[in-house]
């Protein structure tokens, strides 16, 4: 299964409970879609480089996981429809083990 990394920014006015609920919601979506090796890092509140949706700060969350493209699509759809997510980005990580074997 391909490896993915998703970084998303939550609104800064969310409380700790609401932040935890949002994180849990997106973890649940991924797990229901068959994602594995889910790791979540709470990066904390940071100042944004520029204003997004009239917000100057955001709560940064990073998730690393392996799963199908359908799992990513389901999670991104939920983020797109949510008011609590300011911005999100998912990248597909390259498999470094295969690259090292191919170079040798």
PDB file of N, CA and C in Angstrom:
ATOM      1  N   UNK A   1       0.840  -1.184   0.000  1.00  0.00           N
ATOM      2  CA  UNK A   1       0.000   0.000   0.000  1.00  0.00           C
ATOM      3  C   UNK A   1       0.882   1.243   0.000  1.00  0.00           C
ATOM      4  N   UNK A   2       0.479   2.254  -0.734  1.00  0.00           N
ATOM      5  CA  UNK A   2       1.259   3.501  -0.765  1.00  0.00           C
ATOM      6  C   UNK A   2       1.225   4.230   0.581  1.00  0.00           C
ATOM      7  N   UNK A   3       2.292   4.942   0.857  1.00  0.00           N
ATOM      8  CA  UNK A   3       2.397   5.753   2.073  1.00  0.00           C
ATOM      9  C   UNK A   3       1.971   7.188   1.753  1.00  0.00           C
ATOM     10  N   UNK A   4       1.215   7.793   2.665  1.00  0.00           N
ATOM     11  CA  UNK A   4       0.750   9.168   2.496  1.00  0.00           C
ATOM     12  C   UNK A   4       1.065   9.981   3.737  1.00  0.00           C
ATOM     13  N   UNK A   5       1.185  11.290   3.531  1.00  0.00           N
ATOM     14  CA  UNK A   5       1.305  12.234   4.637  1.00  0.00           C
ATOM     15  C   UNK A   5       0.299  13.346   4.398  1.00  0.00           C
ATOM     16  N   UNK A   6      -0.535  13.601   5.388  1.00  0.00           N
ATOM     17  CA  UNK A   6      -1.523  14.675   5.303  1.00  0.00           C
ATOM     18  C   UNK A   6      -1.244  15.674   6.410  1.00  0.00           C
ATOM     19  N   UNK A   7      -1.114  16.935   6.015  1.00  0.00           N
ATOM     20  CA  UNK A   7      -0.977  18.027   6.977  1.00  0.00           C
ATOM     21  C   UNK A   7      -2.218  18.887   6.823  1.00  0.00           C
ATOM     22  N   UNK A   8      -2.898  19.150   7.936  1.00  0.00           N
ATOM     23  CA  UNK A   8      -4.058  20.027   7.860  1.00  0.00           C
ATOM     24  C   UNK A   8      -4.038  21.028   8.995  1.00  0.00           C
ATOM     25  N   UNK A   9      -4.733  22.144   8.776  1.00  0.00           N
ATOM     26  CA  UNK A   9      -4.759  23.246   9.729  1.00  0.00           C
ATOM     27  C   UNK A   9      -6.194  23.445  10.188  1.00  0.00           C
ATOM     28  N   UNK A  10      -6.387  23.408  11.507  1.00  0.00           N
ATOM     29  CA  UNK A  10      -7.702  23.637  12.097  1.00  0.00           C
ATOM     30  C   UNK A  10      -7.823  25.094  12.538  1.00  0.00           C
ATOM     31  N   UNK A  11      -9.055  25.566  12.645  1.00  0.00           N
ATOM     32  CA  UNK A  11      -9.314  26.931  13.122  1.00  0.00           C
ATOM     33  C   UNK A  11      -8.725  27.113  14.520  1.00  0.00           C
ATOM     34  N   UNK A  12      -8.155  28.281  14.809  1.00  0.00           N
ATOM     35  CA  UNK A  12      -7.535  28.489  16.119  1.00  0.00           C
ATOM     36  C   UNK A  12      -8.534  28.682  17.256  1.00  0.00           C
ATOM     37  N   UNK A  13      -9.792  28.961  16.944  1.00  0.00           N
ATOM     38  CA  UNK A  13     -10.775  29.198  18.002  1.00  0.00           C
ATOM     39  C   UNK A  13     -11.388  27.907  18.541  1.00  0.00           C
ATOM     40  N   UNK A  14     -10.961  26.753  18.036  1.00  0.00           N
ATOM     41  CA  UNK A  14     -11.457  25.480  18.557  1.00  0.00           C
ATOM     42  C   UNK A  14     -10.813  25.192  19.909  1.00  0.00           C
ATOM     43  N   UNK A  15     -11.593  24.674  20.834  1.00  0.00           N
ATOM     44  CA  UNK A  15     -11.062  24.270  22.135  1.00  0.00           C
ATOM     45  C   UNK A  15     -10.332  22.944  22.030  1.00  0.00           C
ATOM     46  N   UNK A  16      -9.745  22.518  23.138  1.00  0.00           N
ATOM     47  CA  UNK A  16      -9.005  21.253  23.146  1.00  0.00           C
ATOM     48  C   UNK A  16      -9.912  20.065  22.829  1.00  0.00           C
ATOM     49  N   UNK A  17     -11.117  20.066  23.388  1.00  0.00           N
ATOM     50  CA  UNK A  17     -12.051  18.965  23.131  1.00  0.00           C
ATOM     51  C   UNK A  17     -12.468  18.925  21.669  1.00  0.00           C
ATOM     52  N   UNK A  18     -12.752  20.093  21.096  1.00  0.00           N
ATOM     53  CA  UNK A  18     -13.162  20.146  19.690  1.00  0.00           C
ATOM     54  C   UNK A  18     -12.012  19.736  18.775  1.00  0.00           C
ATOM     55  N   UNK A  19     -10.794  20.125  19.140  1.00  0.00           N
ATOM     56  CA  UNK A  19      -9.620  19.728  18.355  1.00  0.00           C
ATOM     57  C   UNK A  19      -9.454  18.213  18.386  1.00  0.00           C
ATOM     58  N   UNK A  20      -9.574  17.622  19.576  1.00  0.00           N
ATOM     59  CA  UNK A  20      -9.458  16.166  19.700  1.00  0.00           C
ATOM     60  C   UNK A  20     -10.563  15.445  18.932  1.00  0.00           C
ATOM     61  N   UNK A  21     -11.774  15.997  18.938  1.00  0.00           N
ATOM     62  CA  UNK A  21     -12.882  15.399  18.182  1.00  0.00           C
ATOM     63  C   UNK A  21     -12.598  15.445  16.685  1.00  0.00           C
ATOM     64  N   UNK A  22     -12.066  16.569  16.206  1.00  0.00           N
ATOM     65  CA  UNK A  22     -11.756  16.701  14.782  1.00  0.00           C
ATOM     66  C   UNK A  22     -10.677  15.701  14.377  1.00  0.00           C
ATOM     67  N   UNK A  23      -9.631  15.586  15.190  1.00  0.00           N
ATOM     68  CA  UNK A  23      -8.560  14.634  14.894  1.00  0.00           C
ATOM     69  C   UNK A  23      -9.119  13.215  14.868  1.00  0.00           C
ATOM     70  N   UNK A  24      -9.932  12.878  15.856  1.00  0.00           N
ATOM     71  CA  UNK A  24     -10.543  11.551  15.918  1.00  0.00           C
ATOM     72  C   UNK A  24     -11.441  11.259  14.733  1.00  0.00           C
ATOM     73  N   UNK A  25     -12.158  12.278  14.276  1.00  0.00           N
ATOM     74  CA  UNK A  25     -13.063  12.097  13.134  1.00  0.00           C
ATOM     75  C   UNK A  25     -12.285  11.693  11.879  1.00  0.00           C
ATOM     76  N   UNK A  26     -11.175  12.372  11.609  1.00  0.00           N
ATOM     77  CA  UNK A  26     -10.407  12.064  10.400  1.00  0.00           C
ATOM     78  C   UNK A  26      -9.634  10.755  10.543  1.00  0.00           C
ATOM     79  N   UNK A  27      -9.198  10.425  11.755  1.00  0.00           N
ATOM     80  CA  UNK A  27      -8.574   9.118  11.976  1.00  0.00           C
ATOM     81  C   UNK A  27      -9.581   8.000  11.731  1.00  0.00           C
ATOM     82  N   UNK A  28     -10.802   8.178  12.212  1.00  0.00           N
ATOM     83  CA  UNK A  28     -11.849   7.168  12.038  1.00  0.00           C
ATOM     84  C   UNK A  28     -12.172   6.962  10.564  1.00  0.00           C
ATOM     85  N   UNK A  29     -12.257   8.052   9.813  1.00  0.00           N
ATOM     86  CA  UNK A  29     -12.548   7.945   8.378  1.00  0.00           C
ATOM     87  C   UNK A  29     -11.470   7.109   7.693  1.00  0.00           C
ATOM     88  N   UNK A  30     -10.204   7.394   8.004  1.00  0.00           N
ATOM     89  CA  UNK A  30      -9.116   6.637   7.383  1.00  0.00           C
ATOM     90  C   UNK A  30      -9.162   5.163   7.768  1.00  0.00           C
ATOM     91  N   UNK A  31      -9.377   4.882   9.049  1.00  0.00           N
ATOM     92  CA  UNK A  31      -9.401   3.488   9.501  1.00  0.00           C
ATOM     93  C   UNK A  31     -10.578   2.724   8.911  1.00  0.00           C
ATOM     94  N   UNK A  32     -11.732   3.381   8.766  1.00  0.00           N
ATOM     95  CA  UNK A  32     -12.894   2.729   8.147  1.00  0.00           C
ATOM     96  C   UNK A  32     -12.639   2.408   6.680  1.00  0.00           C
ATOM     97  N   UNK A  33     -11.790   3.195   6.035  1.00  0.00           N
ATOM     98  CA  UNK A  33     -11.469   2.977   4.627  1.00  0.00           C
ATOM     99  C   UNK A  33     -10.283   2.022   4.440  1.00  0.00           C
ATOM    100  N   UNK A  34      -9.776   1.461   5.532  1.00  0.00           N
ATOM    101  CA  UNK A  34      -8.731   0.447   5.431  1.00  0.00           C
ATOM    102  C   UNK A  34      -7.308   0.961   5.548  1.00  0.00           C
ATOM    103  N   UNK A  35      -7.104   2.173   6.016  1.00  0.00           N
ATOM    104  CA  UNK A  35      -5.748   2.693   6.195  1.00  0.00           C
ATOM    105  C   UNK A  35      -5.064   1.964   7.348  1.00  0.00           C
ATOM    106  N   UNK A  36      -3.743   1.857   7.252  1.00  0.00           N
ATOM    107  CA  UNK A  36      -2.959   1.160   8.274  1.00  0.00           C
ATOM    108  C   UNK A  36      -1.801   2.042   8.719  1.00  0.00           C
ATOM    109  N   UNK A  37      -1.155   1.645   9.815  1.00  0.00           N
ATOM    110  CA  UNK A  37       0.030   2.347  10.335  1.00  0.00           C
ATOM    111  C   UNK A  37      -0.217   3.843  10.512  1.00  0.00           C
ATOM    112  N   UNK A  38      -1.347   4.182  11.088  1.00  0.00           N
ATOM    113  CA  UNK A  38      -1.737   5.582  11.256  1.00  0.00           C
ATOM    114  C   UNK A  38      -0.982   6.210  12.422  1.00  0.00           C
ATOM    115  N   UNK A  39      -0.237   7.273  12.127  1.00  0.00           N
ATOM    116  CA  UNK A  39       0.477   8.036  13.148  1.00  0.00           C
ATOM    117  C   UNK A  39       0.016   9.483  13.065  1.00  0.00           C
ATOM    118  N   UNK A  40      -0.340  10.064  14.204  1.00  0.00           N
ATOM    119  CA  UNK A  40      -0.815  11.443  14.229  1.00  0.00           C
ATOM    120  C   UNK A  40       0.080  12.268  15.137  1.00  0.00           C
ATOM    121  N   UNK A  41       0.480  13.441  14.642  1.00  0.00           N
ATOM    122  CA  UNK A  41       1.296  14.364  15.431  1.00  0.00           C
ATOM    123  C   UNK A  41       0.565  15.692  15.537  1.00  0.00           C
ATOM    124  N   UNK A  42       0.385  16.149  16.753  1.00  0.00           N
ATOM    125  CA  UNK A  42      -0.255  17.439  17.012  1.00  0.00           C
ATOM    126  C   UNK A  42       0.867  18.473  17.058  1.00  0.00           C
ATOM    127  N   UNK A  43       0.974  19.299  16.025  1.00  0.00           N
ATOM    128  CA  UNK A  43       2.073  20.258  15.906  1.00  0.00           C
ATOM    129  C   UNK A  43       1.827  21.555  16.672  1.00  0.00           C
ATOM    130  N   UNK A  44       0.614  21.747  17.147  1.00  0.00           N
ATOM    131  CA  UNK A  44       0.317  22.914  17.974  1.00  0.00           C
ATOM    132  C   UNK A  44      -0.149  24.126  17.187  1.00  0.00           C
ATOM    133  N   UNK A  45      -0.375  25.207  17.919  1.00  0.00           N
ATOM    134  CA  UNK A  45      -0.875  26.460  17.345  1.00  0.00           C
ATOM    135  C   UNK A  45       0.314  27.250  16.800  1.00  0.00           C
ATOM    136  N   UNK A  46       0.178  27.682  15.549  1.00  0.00           N
ATOM    137  CA  UNK A  46       1.242  28.456  14.902  1.00  0.00           C
ATOM    138  C   UNK A  46       0.636  29.610  14.117  1.00  0.00           C
ATOM    139  N   UNK A  47       1.451  30.610  13.918  1.00  0.00           N
ATOM    140  CA  UNK A  47       1.047  31.753  13.102  1.00  0.00           C
ATOM    141  C   UNK A  47       1.146  31.353  11.631  1.00  0.00           C
ATOM    142  N   UNK A  48       0.139  31.718  10.856  1.00  0.00           N
ATOM    143  CA  UNK A  48       0.129  31.415   9.428  1.00  0.00           C
ATOM    144  C   UNK A  48       1.014  32.415   8.681  1.00  0.00           C
ATOM    145  N   UNK A  49       1.576  31.998   7.569  1.00  0.00           N
ATOM    146  CA  UNK A  49       2.411  32.883   6.764  1.00  0.00           C
ATOM    147  C   UNK A  49       1.578  34.008   6.153  1.00  0.00           C
ATOM    148  N   UNK A  50       0.321  33.710   5.862  1.00  0.00           N
ATOM    149  CA  UNK A  50      -0.606  34.717   5.341  1.00  0.00           C
ATOM    150  C   UNK A  50      -2.003  34.363   5.818  1.00  0.00           C
ATOM    151  N   UNK A  51      -2.881  35.325   5.766  1.00  0.00           N
ATOM    152  CA  UNK A  51      -4.240  35.143   6.268  1.00  0.00           C
ATOM    153  C   UNK A  51      -5.022  34.177   5.375  1.00  0.00           C
ATOM    154  N   UNK A  52      -5.671  33.200   6.000  1.00  0.00           N
ATOM    155  CA  UNK A  52      -6.504  32.231   5.290  1.00  0.00           C
ATOM    156  C   UNK A  52      -7.876  32.250   5.938  1.00  0.00           C
ATOM    157  N   UNK A  53      -8.900  32.522   5.160  1.00  0.00           N
ATOM    158  CA  UNK A  53     -10.276  32.575   5.662  1.00  0.00           C
ATOM    159  C   UNK A  53     -10.381  33.460   6.903  1.00  0.00           C
ATOM    160  N   UNK A  54      -9.731  34.612   6.835  1.00  0.00           N
ATOM    161  CA  UNK A  54      -9.734  35.623   7.905  1.00  0.00           C
ATOM    162  C   UNK A  54      -9.112  35.123   9.206  1.00  0.00           C
ATOM    163  N   UNK A  55      -8.254  34.127   9.126  1.00  0.00           N
ATOM    164  CA  UNK A  55      -7.554  33.593  10.299  1.00  0.00           C
ATOM    165  C   UNK A  55      -6.060  33.876  10.157  1.00  0.00           C
ATOM    166  N   UNK A  56      -5.429  34.275  11.244  1.00  0.00           N
ATOM    167  CA  UNK A  56      -3.986  34.544  11.240  1.00  0.00           C
ATOM    168  C   UNK A  56      -3.185  33.432  11.919  1.00  0.00           C
ATOM    169  N   UNK A  57      -3.863  32.556  12.661  1.00  0.00           N
ATOM    170  CA  UNK A  57      -3.222  31.425  13.326  1.00  0.00           C
ATOM    171  C   UNK A  57      -3.982  30.151  12.990  1.00  0.00           C
ATOM    172  N   UNK A  58      -3.357  29.025  13.262  1.00  0.00           N
ATOM    173  CA  UNK A  58      -4.024  27.750  13.039  1.00  0.00           C
ATOM    174  C   UNK A  58      -3.404  26.660  13.892  1.00  0.00           C
ATOM    175  N   UNK A  59      -4.127  25.565  14.047  1.00  0.00           N
ATOM    176  CA  UNK A  59      -3.652  24.402  14.793  1.00  0.00           C
ATOM    177  C   UNK A  59      -3.229  23.358  13.762  1.00  0.00           C
ATOM    178  N   UNK A  60      -1.942  23.050  13.744  1.00  0.00           N
ATOM    179  CA  UNK A  60      -1.375  22.163  12.735  1.00  0.00           C
ATOM    180  C   UNK A  60      -1.416  20.713  13.209  1.00  0.00           C
ATOM    181  N   UNK A  61      -1.898  19.831  12.330  1.00  0.00           N
ATOM    182  CA  UNK A  61      -1.965  18.395  12.605  1.00  0.00           C
ATOM    183  C   UNK A  61      -1.331  17.659  11.422  1.00  0.00           C
ATOM    184  N   UNK A  62      -0.479  16.676  11.715  1.00  0.00           N
ATOM    185  CA  UNK A  62       0.153  15.870  10.668  1.00  0.00           C
ATOM    186  C   UNK A  62      -0.210  14.408  10.882  1.00  0.00           C
ATOM    187  N   UNK A  63      -0.611  13.729   9.798  1.00  0.00           N
ATOM    188  CA  UNK A  63      -0.925  12.299   9.861  1.00  0.00           C
ATOM    189  C   UNK A  63      -0.119  11.564   8.798  1.00  0.00           C
ATOM    190  N   UNK A  64       0.551  10.494   9.198  1.00  0.00           N
ATOM    191  CA  UNK A  64       1.253   9.603   8.278  1.00  0.00           C
ATOM    192  C   UNK A  64       0.547   8.260   8.318  1.00  0.00           C
ATOM    193  N   UNK A  65       0.321   7.663   7.157  1.00  0.00           N
ATOM    194  CA  UNK A  65      -0.422   6.408   7.087  1.00  0.00           C
ATOM    195  C   UNK A  65      -0.188   5.742   5.746  1.00  0.00           C
ATOM    196  N   UNK A  66      -0.559   4.469   5.661  1.00  0.00           N
ATOM    197  CA  UNK A  66      -0.561   3.758   4.389  1.00  0.00           C
ATOM    198  C   UNK A  66      -2.000   3.354   4.109  1.00  0.00           C
ATOM    199  N   UNK A  67      -2.394   3.492   2.865  1.00  0.00           N
ATOM    200  CA  UNK A  67      -3.770   3.181   2.505  1.00  0.00           C
ATOM    201  C   UNK A  67      -3.998   3.361   1.023  1.00  0.00           C
ATOM    202  N   UNK A  68      -5.237   3.222   0.639  1.00  0.00           N
ATOM    203  CA  UNK A  68      -5.599   3.343  -0.771  1.00  0.00           C
ATOM    204  C   UNK A  68      -5.941   4.794  -1.106  1.00  0.00           C
ATOM    205  N   UNK A  69      -6.012   5.071  -2.380  1.00  0.00           N
ATOM    206  CA  UNK A  69      -6.424   6.396  -2.829  1.00  0.00           C
ATOM    207  C   UNK A  69      -7.850   6.712  -2.432  1.00  0.00           C
ATOM    208  N   UNK A  70      -8.684   5.683  -2.315  1.00  0.00           N
ATOM    209  CA  UNK A  70     -10.078   5.890  -1.904  1.00  0.00           C
ATOM    210  C   UNK A  70     -10.152   6.388  -0.464  1.00  0.00           C
ATOM    211  N   UNK A  71      -9.245   5.914   0.392  1.00  0.00           N
ATOM    212  CA  UNK A  71      -9.218   6.380   1.784  1.00  0.00           C
ATOM    213  C   UNK A  71      -8.846   7.853   1.842  1.00  0.00           C
ATOM    214  N   UNK A  72      -7.869   8.240   1.039  1.00  0.00           N
ATOM    215  CA  UNK A  72      -7.451   9.643   0.992  1.00  0.00           C
ATOM    216  C   UNK A  72      -8.590  10.511   0.466  1.00  0.00           C
ATOM    217  N   UNK A  73      -9.254  10.048  -0.586  1.00  0.00           N
ATOM    218  CA  UNK A  73     -10.355  10.816  -1.179  1.00  0.00           C
ATOM    219  C   UNK A  73     -11.498  11.010  -0.190  1.00  0.00           C
ATOM    220  N   UNK A  74     -11.827   9.974   0.578  1.00  0.00           N
ATOM    221  CA  UNK A  74     -12.912  10.078   1.559  1.00  0.00           C
ATOM    222  C   UNK A  74     -12.564  11.081   2.655  1.00  0.00           C
ATOM    223  N   UNK A  75     -11.313  11.043   3.127  1.00  0.00           N
ATOM    224  CA  UNK A  75     -10.903  11.974   4.175  1.00  0.00           C
ATOM    225  C   UNK A  75     -10.865  13.407   3.650  1.00  0.00           C
ATOM    226  N   UNK A  76     -10.315  13.608   2.456  1.00  0.00           N
ATOM    227  CA  UNK A  76     -10.239  14.954   1.893  1.00  0.00           C
ATOM    228  C   UNK A  76     -11.621  15.520   1.607  1.00  0.00           C
ATOM    229  N   UNK A  77     -12.550  14.678   1.222  1.00  0.00           N
ATOM    230  CA  UNK A  77     -13.919  15.149   0.992  1.00  0.00           C
ATOM    231  C   UNK A  77     -14.526  15.657   2.298  1.00  0.00           C
ATOM    232  N   UNK A  78     -14.315  14.908   3.388  1.00  0.00           N
ATOM    233  CA  UNK A  78     -14.820  15.335   4.696  1.00  0.00           C
ATOM    234  C   UNK A  78     -14.161  16.646   5.128  1.00  0.00           C
ATOM    235  N   UNK A  79     -12.870  16.801   4.853  1.00  0.00           N
ATOM    236  CA  UNK A  79     -12.173  18.043   5.211  1.00  0.00           C
ATOM    237  C   UNK A  79     -12.684  19.222   4.392  1.00  0.00           C
ATOM    238  N   UNK A  80     -12.934  18.984   3.120  1.00  0.00           N
ATOM    239  CA  UNK A  80     -13.417  20.045   2.234  1.00  0.00           C
ATOM    240  C   UNK A  80     -14.783  20.551   2.680  1.00  0.00           C
ATOM    241  N   UNK A  81     -15.633  19.659   3.182  1.00  0.00           N
ATOM    242  CA  UNK A  81     -16.981  20.028   3.602  1.00  0.00           C
ATOM    243  C   UNK A  81     -17.031  20.563   5.032  1.00  0.00           C
ATOM    244  N   UNK A  82     -15.937  20.454   5.767  1.00  0.00           N
ATOM    245  CA  UNK A  82     -15.907  20.849   7.176  1.00  0.00           C
ATOM    246  C   UNK A  82     -15.556  22.324   7.328  1.00  0.00           C
ATOM    247  N   UNK A  83     -16.175  22.972   8.316  1.00  0.00           N
ATOM    248  CA  UNK A  83     -15.849  24.361   8.623  1.00  0.00           C
ATOM    249  C   UNK A  83     -14.631  24.474   9.526  1.00  0.00           C
ATOM    250  N   UNK A  84     -14.261  23.389  10.190  1.00  0.00           N
ATOM    251  CA  UNK A  84     -13.167  23.461  11.156  1.00  0.00           C
ATOM    252  C   UNK A  84     -11.789  23.390  10.508  1.00  0.00           C
ATOM    253  N   UNK A  85     -11.699  22.895   9.269  1.00  0.00           N
ATOM    254  CA  UNK A  85     -10.418  22.779   8.576  1.00  0.00           C
ATOM    255  C   UNK A  85     -10.218  24.001   7.680  1.00  0.00           C
ATOM    256  N   UNK A  86      -9.112  24.705   7.915  1.00  0.00           N
ATOM    257  CA  UNK A  86      -8.793  25.885   7.109  1.00  0.00           C
ATOM    258  C   UNK A  86      -8.135  25.465   5.797  1.00  0.00           C
ATOM    259  N   UNK A  87      -7.157  24.553   5.890  1.00  0.00           N
ATOM    260  CA  UNK A  87      -6.395  24.134   4.716  1.00  0.00           C
ATOM    261  C   UNK A  87      -5.871  22.732   4.959  1.00  0.00           C
ATOM    262  N   UNK A  88      -5.700  21.948   3.887  1.00  0.00           N
ATOM    263  CA  UNK A  88      -5.129  20.603   4.006  1.00  0.00           C
ATOM    264  C   UNK A  88      -4.297  20.299   2.775  1.00  0.00           C
ATOM    265  N   UNK A  89      -3.346  19.396   2.936  1.00  0.00           N
ATOM    266  CA  UNK A  89      -2.509  18.964   1.825  1.00  0.00           C
ATOM    267  C   UNK A  89      -2.095  17.520   2.079  1.00  0.00           C
ATOM    268  N   UNK A  90      -2.281  16.668   1.081  1.00  0.00           N
ATOM    269  CA  UNK A  90      -1.869  15.268   1.165  1.00  0.00           C
ATOM    270  C   UNK A  90      -0.834  15.005   0.090  1.00  0.00           C
ATOM    271  N   UNK A  91       0.269  14.383   0.481  1.00  0.00           N
ATOM    272  CA  UNK A  91       1.287  14.003  -0.492  1.00  0.00           C
ATOM    273  C   UNK A  91       1.518  12.497  -0.395  1.00  0.00           C
ATOM    274  N   UNK A  92       1.870  11.915  -1.517  1.00  0.00           N
ATOM    275  CA  UNK A  92       2.196  10.491  -1.566  1.00  0.00           C
ATOM    276  C   UNK A  92       3.705  10.368  -1.392  1.00  0.00           C
ATOM    277  N   UNK A  93       4.118   9.640  -0.365  1.00  0.00           N
ATOM    278  CA  UNK A  93       5.540   9.482  -0.085  1.00  0.00           C
ATOM    279  C   UNK A  93       6.125   8.399  -0.973  1.00  0.00           C
ATOM    280  N   UNK A  94       7.349   8.629  -1.421  1.00  0.00           N
ATOM    281  CA  UNK A  94       8.014   7.639  -2.252  1.00  0.00           C
ATOM    282  C   UNK A  94       8.548   6.523  -1.371  1.00  0.00           C
ATOM    283  N   UNK A  95       8.577   5.332  -1.919  1.00  0.00           N
ATOM    284  CA  UNK A  95       9.066   4.165  -1.189  1.00  0.00           C
ATOM    285  C   UNK A  95      10.586   4.140  -1.287  1.00  0.00           C
ATOM    286  N   UNK A  96      11.278   4.535  -0.228  1.00  0.00           N
ATOM    287  CA  UNK A  96      12.736   4.627  -0.256  1.00  0.00           C
ATOM    288  C   UNK A  96      13.401   3.255  -0.294  1.00  0.00           C
ATOM    289  N   UNK A  97      12.774   2.223   0.233  1.00  0.00           N
ATOM    290  CA  UNK A  97      13.358   0.878   0.216  1.00  0.00           C
ATOM    291  C   UNK A  97      13.490   0.371  -1.219  1.00  0.00           C
ATOM    292  N   UNK A  98      12.480   0.619  -2.046  1.00  0.00           N
ATOM    293  CA  UNK A  98      12.545   0.184  -3.442  1.00  0.00           C
ATOM    294  C   UNK A  98      13.568   0.994  -4.221  1.00  0.00           C
ATOM    295  N   UNK A  99      13.719   2.271  -3.920  1.00  0.00           N
ATOM    296  CA  UNK A  99      14.691   3.099  -4.620  1.00  0.00           C
ATOM    297  C   UNK A  99      16.114   2.651  -4.312  1.00  0.00           C
ATOM    298  N   UNK A 100      16.395   2.329  -3.066  1.00  0.00           N
ATOM    299  CA  UNK A 100      17.731   1.886  -2.680  1.00  0.00           C
ATOM    300  C   UNK A 100      18.055   0.569  -3.369  1.00  0.00           C
ATOM    301  N   UNK A 101      17.099  -0.353  -3.435  1.00  0.00           N
ATOM    302  CA  UNK A 101      17.310  -1.632  -4.103  1.00  0.00           C
ATOM    303  C   UNK A 101      17.522  -1.475  -5.600  1.00  0.00           C
ATOM    304  N   UNK A 102      16.849  -0.532  -6.220  1.00  0.00           N
ATOM    305  CA  UNK A 102      16.973  -0.313  -7.657  1.00  0.00           C
ATOM    306  C   UNK A 102      18.314   0.327  -8.003  1.00  0.00           C
ATOM    307  N   UNK A 103      18.852   1.150  -7.108  1.00  0.00           N
ATOM    308  CA  UNK A 103      20.122   1.815  -7.374  1.00  0.00           C
ATOM    309  C   UNK A 103      21.304   0.870  -7.216  1.00  0.00           C
ATOM    310  N   UNK A 104      21.170  -0.148  -6.393  1.00  0.00           N
ATOM    311  CA  UNK A 104      22.299  -1.051  -6.103  1.00  0.00           C
ATOM    312  C   UNK A 104      22.582  -2.019  -7.210  1.00  0.00           C
TER     313      UNK A 104
END
